[in-house]
Amino acid sequence: METMVLERARGCMIGQLAGDALGSLVEFESTESIRRKYPGGLRELADGGTFNTIAGQPTDDSEMALMLARTLVERKTYDAEATL
């Protein structure tokens, strides 16, 4: 059971990191703007976006998620003070 939970947690982190890197290309843009730029949907990592990230580069959102994950592993519980 513990192995399954760990695998699911890893999958969540990988999905978060990939989604963050992909989404950074359109962060803070309107739905209409995104649809015009990517009529078939955003499917490939590329340099650019609001903060001019390089393809695959995580943003601060991923850094915060990693910090939370590290804290959960270390403390075995959520500790709001440790994640500030």
PDB file of N, CA and C in Angstrom:
ATOM      1  N   MET A   1       0.830  -1.203   0.000  1.00  0.00           N
ATOM      2  CA  MET A   1       0.000   0.000   0.000  1.00  0.00           C
ATOM      3  C   MET A   1       0.866   1.255   0.000  1.00  0.00           C
ATOM      4  N   GLU A   2       1.913   1.267   0.805  1.00  0.00           N
ATOM      5  CA  GLU A   2       2.794   2.435   0.887  1.00  0.00           C
ATOM      6  C   GLU A   2       3.459   2.718  -0.461  1.00  0.00           C
ATOM      7  N   THR A   3       3.850   1.668  -1.174  1.00  0.00           N
ATOM      8  CA  THR A   3       4.467   1.821  -2.489  1.00  0.00           C
ATOM      9  C   THR A   3       3.498   2.473  -3.452  1.00  0.00           C
ATOM     10  N   MET A   4       2.227   2.080  -3.408  1.00  0.00           N
ATOM     11  CA  MET A   4       1.215   2.648  -4.290  1.00  0.00           C
ATOM     12  C   MET A   4       1.042   4.143  -4.004  1.00  0.00           C
ATOM     13  N   VAL A   5       1.014   4.508  -2.758  1.00  0.00           N
ATOM     14  CA  VAL A   5       0.860   5.913  -2.382  1.00  0.00           C
ATOM     15  C   VAL A   5       2.058   6.720  -2.876  1.00  0.00           C
ATOM     16  N   LEU A   6       3.253   6.176  -2.711  1.00  0.00           N
ATOM     17  CA  LEU A   6       4.460   6.856  -3.170  1.00  0.00           C
ATOM     18  C   LEU A   6       4.449   7.023  -4.689  1.00  0.00           C
ATOM     19  N   GLU A   7       4.043   6.008  -5.415  1.00  0.00           N
ATOM     20  CA  GLU A   7       3.978   6.093  -6.872  1.00  0.00           C
ATOM     21  C   GLU A   7       2.953   7.141  -7.315  1.00  0.00           C
ATOM     22  N   ARG A   8       1.830   7.199  -6.637  1.00  0.00           N
ATOM     23  CA  ARG A   8       0.816   8.197  -6.965  1.00  0.00           C
ATOM     24  C   ARG A   8       1.335   9.602  -6.681  1.00  0.00           C
ATOM     25  N   ALA A   9       2.048   9.760  -5.574  1.00  0.00           N
ATOM     26  CA  ALA A   9       2.626  11.062  -5.228  1.00  0.00           C
ATOM     27  C   ALA A   9       3.649  11.480  -6.281  1.00  0.00           C
ATOM     28  N   ARG A  10       4.468  10.548  -6.713  1.00  0.00           N
ATOM     29  CA  ARG A  10       5.442  10.851  -7.771  1.00  0.00           C
ATOM     30  C   ARG A  10       4.735  11.269  -9.050  1.00  0.00           C
ATOM     31  N   GLY A  11       3.688  10.562  -9.403  1.00  0.00           N
ATOM     32  CA  GLY A  11       2.918  10.903 -10.598  1.00  0.00           C
ATOM     33  C   GLY A  11       2.317  12.295 -10.499  1.00  0.00           C
ATOM     34  N   CYS A  12       1.824  12.637  -9.334  1.00  0.00           N
ATOM     35  CA  CYS A  12       1.274  13.984  -9.125  1.00  0.00           C
ATOM     36  C   CYS A  12       2.346  15.043  -9.315  1.00  0.00           C
ATOM     37  N   MET A  13       3.523  14.796  -8.769  1.00  0.00           N
ATOM     38  CA  MET A  13       4.615  15.770  -8.891  1.00  0.00           C
ATOM     39  C   MET A  13       5.060  15.909 -10.346  1.00  0.00           C
ATOM     40  N   ILE A  14       5.181  14.803 -11.055  1.00  0.00           N
ATOM     41  CA  ILE A  14       5.583  14.866 -12.464  1.00  0.00           C
ATOM     42  C   ILE A  14       4.536  15.628 -13.272  1.00  0.00           C
ATOM     43  N   GLY A  15       3.278  15.345 -13.017  1.00  0.00           N
ATOM     44  CA  GLY A  15       2.210  16.067 -13.708  1.00  0.00           C
ATOM     45  C   GLY A  15       2.218  17.547 -13.383  1.00  0.00           C
ATOM     46  N   GLN A  16       2.482  17.888 -12.136  1.00  0.00           N
ATOM     47  CA  GLN A  16       2.533  19.287 -11.730  1.00  0.00           C
ATOM     48  C   GLN A  16       3.685  20.001 -12.430  1.00  0.00           C
ATOM     49  N   LEU A  17       4.844  19.378 -12.440  1.00  0.00           N
ATOM     50  CA  LEU A  17       6.024  19.987 -13.070  1.00  0.00           C
ATOM     51  C   LEU A  17       5.823  20.158 -14.578  1.00  0.00           C
ATOM     52  N   ALA A  18       5.309  19.129 -15.233  1.00  0.00           N
ATOM     53  CA  ALA A  18       5.092  19.202 -16.679  1.00  0.00           C
ATOM     54  C   ALA A  18       4.012  20.234 -17.022  1.00  0.00           C
ATOM     55  N   GLY A  19       2.925  20.207 -16.284  1.00  0.00           N
ATOM     56  CA  GLY A  19       1.845  21.160 -16.527  1.00  0.00           C
ATOM     57  C   GLY A  19       2.273  22.594 -16.272  1.00  0.00           C
ATOM     58  N   ASP A  20       3.082  22.794 -15.255  1.00  0.00           N
ATOM     59  CA  ASP A  20       3.579  24.129 -14.943  1.00  0.00           C
ATOM     60  C   ASP A  20       4.481  24.640 -16.060  1.00  0.00           C
ATOM     61  N   ALA A  21       5.399  23.800 -16.521  1.00  0.00           N
ATOM     62  CA  ALA A  21       6.312  24.204 -17.591  1.00  0.00           C
ATOM     63  C   ALA A  21       5.546  24.506 -18.878  1.00  0.00           C
ATOM     64  N   LEU A  22       4.562  23.693 -19.195  1.00  0.00           N
ATOM     65  CA  LEU A  22       3.756  23.911 -20.396  1.00  0.00           C
ATOM     66  C   LEU A  22       2.892  25.164 -20.232  1.00  0.00           C
ATOM     67  N   GLY A  23       2.271  25.289 -19.088  1.00  0.00           N
ATOM     68  CA  GLY A  23       1.376  26.417 -18.836  1.00  0.00           C
ATOM     69  C   GLY A  23       2.081  27.755 -18.725  1.00  0.00           C
ATOM     70  N   SER A  24       3.377  27.732 -18.445  1.00  0.00           N
ATOM     71  CA  SER A  24       4.097  29.005 -18.320  1.00  0.00           C
ATOM     72  C   SER A  24       4.091  29.783 -19.632  1.00  0.00           C
ATOM     73  N   LEU A  25       3.875  29.096 -20.741  1.00  0.00           N
ATOM     74  CA  LEU A  25       3.816  29.772 -22.039  1.00  0.00           C
ATOM     75  C   LEU A  25       2.584  30.661 -22.180  1.00  0.00           C
ATOM     76  N   VAL A  26       1.557  30.384 -21.411  1.00  0.00           N
ATOM     77  CA  VAL A  26       0.305  31.145 -21.544  1.00  0.00           C
ATOM     78  C   VAL A  26      -0.171  31.748 -20.217  1.00  0.00           C
ATOM     79  N   GLU A  27       0.694  31.737 -19.235  1.00  0.00           N
ATOM     80  CA  GLU A  27       0.310  32.255 -17.914  1.00  0.00           C
ATOM     81  C   GLU A  27      -0.140  33.713 -18.013  1.00  0.00           C
ATOM     82  N   PHE A  28      -1.265  33.997 -17.403  1.00  0.00           N
ATOM     83  CA  PHE A  28      -1.888  35.321 -17.336  1.00  0.00           C
ATOM     84  C   PHE A  28      -2.502  35.786 -18.652  1.00  0.00           C
ATOM     85  N   GLU A  29      -2.575  34.925 -19.663  1.00  0.00           N
ATOM     86  CA  GLU A  29      -3.222  35.293 -20.921  1.00  0.00           C
ATOM     87  C   GLU A  29      -4.700  34.930 -20.853  1.00  0.00           C
ATOM     88  N   SER A  30      -5.488  35.612 -21.640  1.00  0.00           N
ATOM     89  CA  SER A  30      -6.921  35.323 -21.685  1.00  0.00           C
ATOM     90  C   SER A  30      -7.175  34.036 -22.468  1.00  0.00           C
ATOM     91  N   THR A  31      -8.325  33.450 -22.240  1.00  0.00           N
ATOM     92  CA  THR A  31      -8.721  32.243 -22.961  1.00  0.00           C
ATOM     93  C   THR A  31      -8.744  32.515 -24.462  1.00  0.00           C
ATOM     94  N   GLU A  32      -9.243  33.665 -24.847  1.00  0.00           N
ATOM     95  CA  GLU A  32      -9.323  34.013 -26.270  1.00  0.00           C
ATOM     96  C   GLU A  32      -7.928  34.095 -26.889  1.00  0.00           C
ATOM     97  N   SER A  33      -7.009  34.717 -26.191  1.00  0.00           N
ATOM     98  CA  SER A  33      -5.635  34.855 -26.690  1.00  0.00           C
ATOM     99  C   SER A  33      -4.974  33.487 -26.863  1.00  0.00           C
ATOM    100  N   ILE A  34      -5.185  32.619 -25.895  1.00  0.00           N
ATOM    101  CA  ILE A  34      -4.605  31.270 -25.957  1.00  0.00           C
ATOM    102  C   ILE A  34      -5.196  30.504 -27.136  1.00  0.00           C
ATOM    103  N   ARG A  35      -6.493  30.613 -27.320  1.00  0.00           N
ATOM    104  CA  ARG A  35      -7.148  29.911 -28.444  1.00  0.00           C
ATOM    105  C   ARG A  35      -6.650  30.417 -29.797  1.00  0.00           C
ATOM    106  N   ARG A  36      -6.391  31.725 -29.896  1.00  0.00           N
ATOM    107  CA  ARG A  36      -5.859  32.272 -31.145  1.00  0.00           C
ATOM    108  C   ARG A  36      -4.442  31.761 -31.416  1.00  0.00           C
ATOM    109  N   LYS A  37      -3.607  31.739 -30.384  1.00  0.00           N
ATOM    110  CA  LYS A  37      -2.218  31.304 -30.545  1.00  0.00           C
ATOM    111  C   LYS A  37      -2.092  29.804 -30.766  1.00  0.00           C
ATOM    112  N   TYR A  38      -2.958  29.041 -30.092  1.00  0.00           N
ATOM    113  CA  TYR A  38      -2.872  27.578 -30.127  1.00  0.00           C
ATOM    114  C   TYR A  38      -4.246  26.989 -30.446  1.00  0.00           C
ATOM    115  N   PRO A  39      -4.706  27.130 -31.692  1.00  0.00           N
ATOM    116  CA  PRO A  39      -6.060  26.661 -32.035  1.00  0.00           C
ATOM    117  C   PRO A  39      -6.254  25.160 -31.807  1.00  0.00           C
ATOM    118  N   GLY A  40      -5.184  24.389 -31.892  1.00  0.00           N
ATOM    119  CA  GLY A  40      -5.278  22.949 -31.645  1.00  0.00           C
ATOM    120  C   GLY A  40      -4.923  22.582 -30.215  1.00  0.00           C
ATOM    121  N   GLY A  41      -4.701  23.584 -29.393  1.00  0.00           N
ATOM    122  CA  GLY A  41      -4.296  23.360 -28.007  1.00  0.00           C
ATOM    123  C   GLY A  41      -2.783  23.452 -27.868  1.00  0.00           C
ATOM    124  N   LEU A  42      -2.344  23.825 -26.709  1.00  0.00           N
ATOM    125  CA  LEU A  42      -0.915  23.924 -26.411  1.00  0.00           C
ATOM    126  C   LEU A  42      -0.393  22.518 -26.151  1.00  0.00           C
ATOM    127  N   ARG A  43       0.534  22.053 -26.976  1.00  0.00           N
ATOM    128  CA  ARG A  43       0.986  20.666 -26.901  1.00  0.00           C
ATOM    129  C   ARG A  43       2.489  20.487 -26.770  1.00  0.00           C
ATOM    130  N   GLU A  44       3.269  21.542 -27.036  1.00  0.00           N
ATOM    131  CA  GLU A  44       4.722  21.387 -27.033  1.00  0.00           C
ATOM    132  C   GLU A  44       5.392  22.442 -26.167  1.00  0.00           C
ATOM    133  N   LEU A  45       6.428  22.023 -25.472  1.00  0.00           N
ATOM    134  CA  LEU A  45       7.220  22.960 -24.685  1.00  0.00           C
ATOM    135  C   LEU A  45       8.035  23.841 -25.610  1.00  0.00           C
ATOM    136  N   ALA A  46       8.149  25.113 -25.269  1.00  0.00           N
ATOM    137  CA  ALA A  46       8.930  26.051 -26.077  1.00  0.00           C
ATOM    138  C   ALA A  46       9.409  27.185 -25.183  1.00  0.00           C
ATOM    139  N   ASP A  47      10.428  27.884 -25.635  1.00  0.00           N
ATOM    140  CA  ASP A  47      10.887  29.071 -24.928  1.00  0.00           C
ATOM    141  C   ASP A  47       9.828  30.159 -25.050  1.00  0.00           C
ATOM    142  N   GLY A  48       9.741  31.036 -24.033  1.00  0.00           N
ATOM    143  CA  GLY A  48       8.851  32.188 -24.148  1.00  0.00           C
ATOM    144  C   GLY A  48       7.929  32.344 -22.968  1.00  0.00           C
ATOM    145  N   GLY A  49       6.760  32.884 -23.240  1.00  0.00           N
ATOM    146  CA  GLY A  49       5.775  33.126 -22.205  1.00  0.00           C
ATOM    147  C   GLY A  49       5.998  34.454 -21.493  1.00  0.00           C
ATOM    148  N   THR A  50       5.137  34.722 -20.537  1.00  0.00           N
ATOM    149  CA  THR A  50       5.158  35.969 -19.778  1.00  0.00           C
ATOM    150  C   THR A  50       6.515  36.258 -19.157  1.00  0.00           C
ATOM    151  N   PHE A  51       7.165  35.237 -18.634  1.00  0.00           N
ATOM    152  CA  PHE A  51       8.437  35.429 -17.936  1.00  0.00           C
ATOM    153  C   PHE A  51       9.633  34.938 -18.748  1.00  0.00           C
ATOM    154  N   ASN A  52       9.407  34.717 -20.055  1.00  0.00           N
ATOM    155  CA  ASN A  52      10.462  34.295 -20.969  1.00  0.00           C
ATOM    156  C   ASN A  52      11.248  33.090 -20.439  1.00  0.00           C
ATOM    157  N   THR A  53      10.528  32.073 -20.025  1.00  0.00           N
ATOM    158  CA  THR A  53      11.165  30.850 -19.534  1.00  0.00           C
ATOM    159  C   THR A  53      11.716  30.049 -20.700  1.00  0.00           C
ATOM    160  N   ILE A  54      12.667  29.163 -20.386  1.00  0.00           N
ATOM    161  CA  ILE A  54      13.172  28.269 -21.416  1.00  0.00           C
ATOM    162  C   ILE A  54      12.293  27.021 -21.432  1.00  0.00           C
ATOM    163  N   ALA A  55      12.247  26.340 -22.548  1.00  0.00           N
ATOM    164  CA  ALA A  55      11.384  25.164 -22.700  1.00  0.00           C
ATOM    165  C   ALA A  55      11.627  24.173 -21.567  1.00  0.00           C
ATOM    166  N   GLY A  56      10.569  23.846 -20.849  1.00  0.00           N
ATOM    167  CA  GLY A  56      10.661  22.874 -19.763  1.00  0.00           C
ATOM    168  C   GLY A  56      11.017  23.460 -18.415  1.00  0.00           C
ATOM    169  N   GLN A  57      11.312  24.749 -18.360  1.00  0.00           N
ATOM    170  CA  GLN A  57      11.699  25.374 -17.091  1.00  0.00           C
ATOM    171  C   GLN A  57      10.493  25.501 -16.166  1.00  0.00           C
ATOM    172  N   PRO A  58      10.611  25.009 -14.933  1.00  0.00           N
ATOM    173  CA  PRO A  58       9.508  25.180 -13.993  1.00  0.00           C
ATOM    174  C   PRO A  58       9.448  26.617 -13.486  1.00  0.00           C
ATOM    175  N   THR A  59       8.297  27.008 -12.977  1.00  0.00           N
ATOM    176  CA  THR A  59       8.137  28.343 -12.414  1.00  0.00           C
ATOM    177  C   THR A  59       8.141  28.251 -10.889  1.00  0.00           C
ATOM    178  N   ASP A  60       7.871  29.368 -10.266  1.00  0.00           N
ATOM    179  CA  ASP A  60       7.805  29.390  -8.808  1.00  0.00           C
ATOM    180  C   ASP A  60       6.699  28.478  -8.283  1.00  0.00           C
ATOM    181  N   ASP A  61       5.684  28.225  -9.087  1.00  0.00           N
ATOM    182  CA  ASP A  61       4.618  27.308  -8.658  1.00  0.00           C
ATOM    183  C   ASP A  61       5.184  25.913  -8.394  1.00  0.00           C
ATOM    184  N   SER A  62       6.065  25.458  -9.271  1.00  0.00           N
ATOM    185  CA  SER A  62       6.699  24.148  -9.074  1.00  0.00           C
ATOM    186  C   SER A  62       7.638  24.164  -7.881  1.00  0.00           C
ATOM    187  N   GLU A  63       8.353  25.270  -7.713  1.00  0.00           N
ATOM    188  CA  GLU A  63       9.255  25.379  -6.557  1.00  0.00           C
ATOM    189  C   GLU A  63       8.465  25.278  -5.250  1.00  0.00           C
ATOM    190  N   MET A  64       7.300  25.916  -5.204  1.00  0.00           N
ATOM    191  CA  MET A  64       6.464  25.849  -3.997  1.00  0.00           C
ATOM    192  C   MET A  64       5.918  24.444  -3.784  1.00  0.00           C
ATOM    193  N   ALA A  65       5.508  23.787  -4.857  1.00  0.00           N
ATOM    194  CA  ALA A  65       4.998  22.415  -4.745  1.00  0.00           C
ATOM    195  C   ALA A  65       6.095  21.471  -4.255  1.00  0.00           C
ATOM    196  N   LEU A  66       7.315  21.648  -4.752  1.00  0.00           N
ATOM    197  CA  LEU A  66       8.439  20.815  -4.300  1.00  0.00           C
ATOM    198  C   LEU A  66       8.744  21.051  -2.826  1.00  0.00           C
ATOM    199  N   MET A  67       8.696  22.302  -2.397  1.00  0.00           N
ATOM    200  CA  MET A  67       8.934  22.609  -0.987  1.00  0.00           C
ATOM    201  C   MET A  67       7.872  21.954  -0.103  1.00  0.00           C
ATOM    202  N   LEU A  68       6.632  22.040  -0.528  1.00  0.00           N
ATOM    203  CA  LEU A  68       5.552  21.397   0.227  1.00  0.00           C
ATOM    204  C   LEU A  68       5.771  19.893   0.286  1.00  0.00           C
ATOM    205  N   ALA A  69       6.120  19.273  -0.827  1.00  0.00           N
ATOM    206  CA  ALA A  69       6.350  17.825  -0.858  1.00  0.00           C
ATOM    207  C   ALA A  69       7.503  17.434   0.060  1.00  0.00           C
ATOM    208  N   ARG A  70       8.596  18.181   0.005  1.00  0.00           N
ATOM    209  CA  ARG A  70       9.742  17.886   0.884  1.00  0.00           C
ATOM    210  C   ARG A  70       9.361  17.990   2.350  1.00  0.00           C
ATOM    211  N   THR A  71       8.562  18.999   2.666  1.00  0.00           N
ATOM    212  CA  THR A  71       8.125  19.185   4.055  1.00  0.00           C
ATOM    213  C   THR A  71       7.222  18.037   4.501  1.00  0.00           C
ATOM    214  N   LEU A  72       6.308  17.615   3.634  1.00  0.00           N
ATOM    215  CA  LEU A  72       5.417  16.504   3.975  1.00  0.00           C
ATOM    216  C   LEU A  72       6.206  15.222   4.222  1.00  0.00           C
ATOM    217  N   VAL A  73       7.213  14.974   3.396  1.00  0.00           N
ATOM    218  CA  VAL A  73       8.037  13.773   3.563  1.00  0.00           C
ATOM    219  C   VAL A  73       8.824  13.851   4.870  1.00  0.00           C
ATOM    220  N   GLU A  74       9.423  15.002   5.119  1.00  0.00           N
ATOM    221  CA  GLU A  74      10.247  15.165   6.323  1.00  0.00           C
ATOM    222  C   GLU A  74       9.433  15.130   7.612  1.00  0.00           C
ATOM    223  N   ARG A  75       8.300  15.837   7.625  1.00  0.00           N
ATOM    224  CA  ARG A  75       7.510  15.973   8.864  1.00  0.00           C
ATOM    225  C   ARG A  75       6.408  14.923   9.006  1.00  0.00           C
ATOM    226  N   LYS A  76       6.100  14.236   7.919  1.00  0.00           N
ATOM    227  CA  LYS A  76       5.027  13.224   7.909  1.00  0.00           C
ATOM    228  C   LYS A  76       3.647  13.821   8.170  1.00  0.00           C
ATOM    229  N   THR A  77       3.538  15.154   8.055  1.00  0.00           N
ATOM    230  CA  THR A  77       2.270  15.859   8.230  1.00  0.00           C
ATOM    231  C   THR A  77       2.419  17.255   7.631  1.00  0.00           C
ATOM    232  N   TYR A  78       1.300  17.937   7.454  1.00  0.00           N
ATOM    233  CA  TYR A  78       1.353  19.305   6.961  1.00  0.00           C
ATOM    234  C   TYR A  78       1.728  20.247   8.087  1.00  0.00           C
ATOM    235  N   ASP A  79       2.711  21.094   7.861  1.00  0.00           N
ATOM    236  CA  ASP A  79       3.166  22.062   8.836  1.00  0.00           C
ATOM    237  C   ASP A  79       3.230  23.426   8.139  1.00  0.00           C
ATOM    238  N   ALA A  80       2.212  24.248   8.357  1.00  0.00           N
ATOM    239  CA  ALA A  80       2.129  25.533   7.674  1.00  0.00           C
ATOM    240  C   ALA A  80       3.335  26.411   7.942  1.00  0.00           C
ATOM    241  N   GLU A  81       3.838  26.398   9.138  1.00  0.00           N
ATOM    242  CA  GLU A  81       5.000  27.227   9.493  1.00  0.00           C
ATOM    243  C   GLU A  81       6.244  26.819   8.706  1.00  0.00           C
ATOM    244  N   ALA A  82       6.397  25.536   8.452  1.00  0.00           N
ATOM    245  CA  ALA A  82       7.587  25.037   7.756  1.00  0.00           C
ATOM    246  C   ALA A  82       7.562  25.342   6.260  1.00  0.00           C
ATOM    247  N   THR A  83       6.404  25.714   5.741  1.00  0.00           N
ATOM    248  CA  THR A  83       6.300  25.954   4.298  1.00  0.00           C
ATOM    249  C   THR A  83       6.256  27.432   3.940  1.00  0.00           C
ATOM    250  N   LEU A  84       6.455  28.281   4.899  1.00  0.00           N
ATOM    251  CA  LEU A  84       6.442  29.729   4.617  1.00  0.00           C
ATOM    252  C   LEU A  84       7.688  30.176   3.924  1.00  0.00           C
TER     253      LEU A  84
END
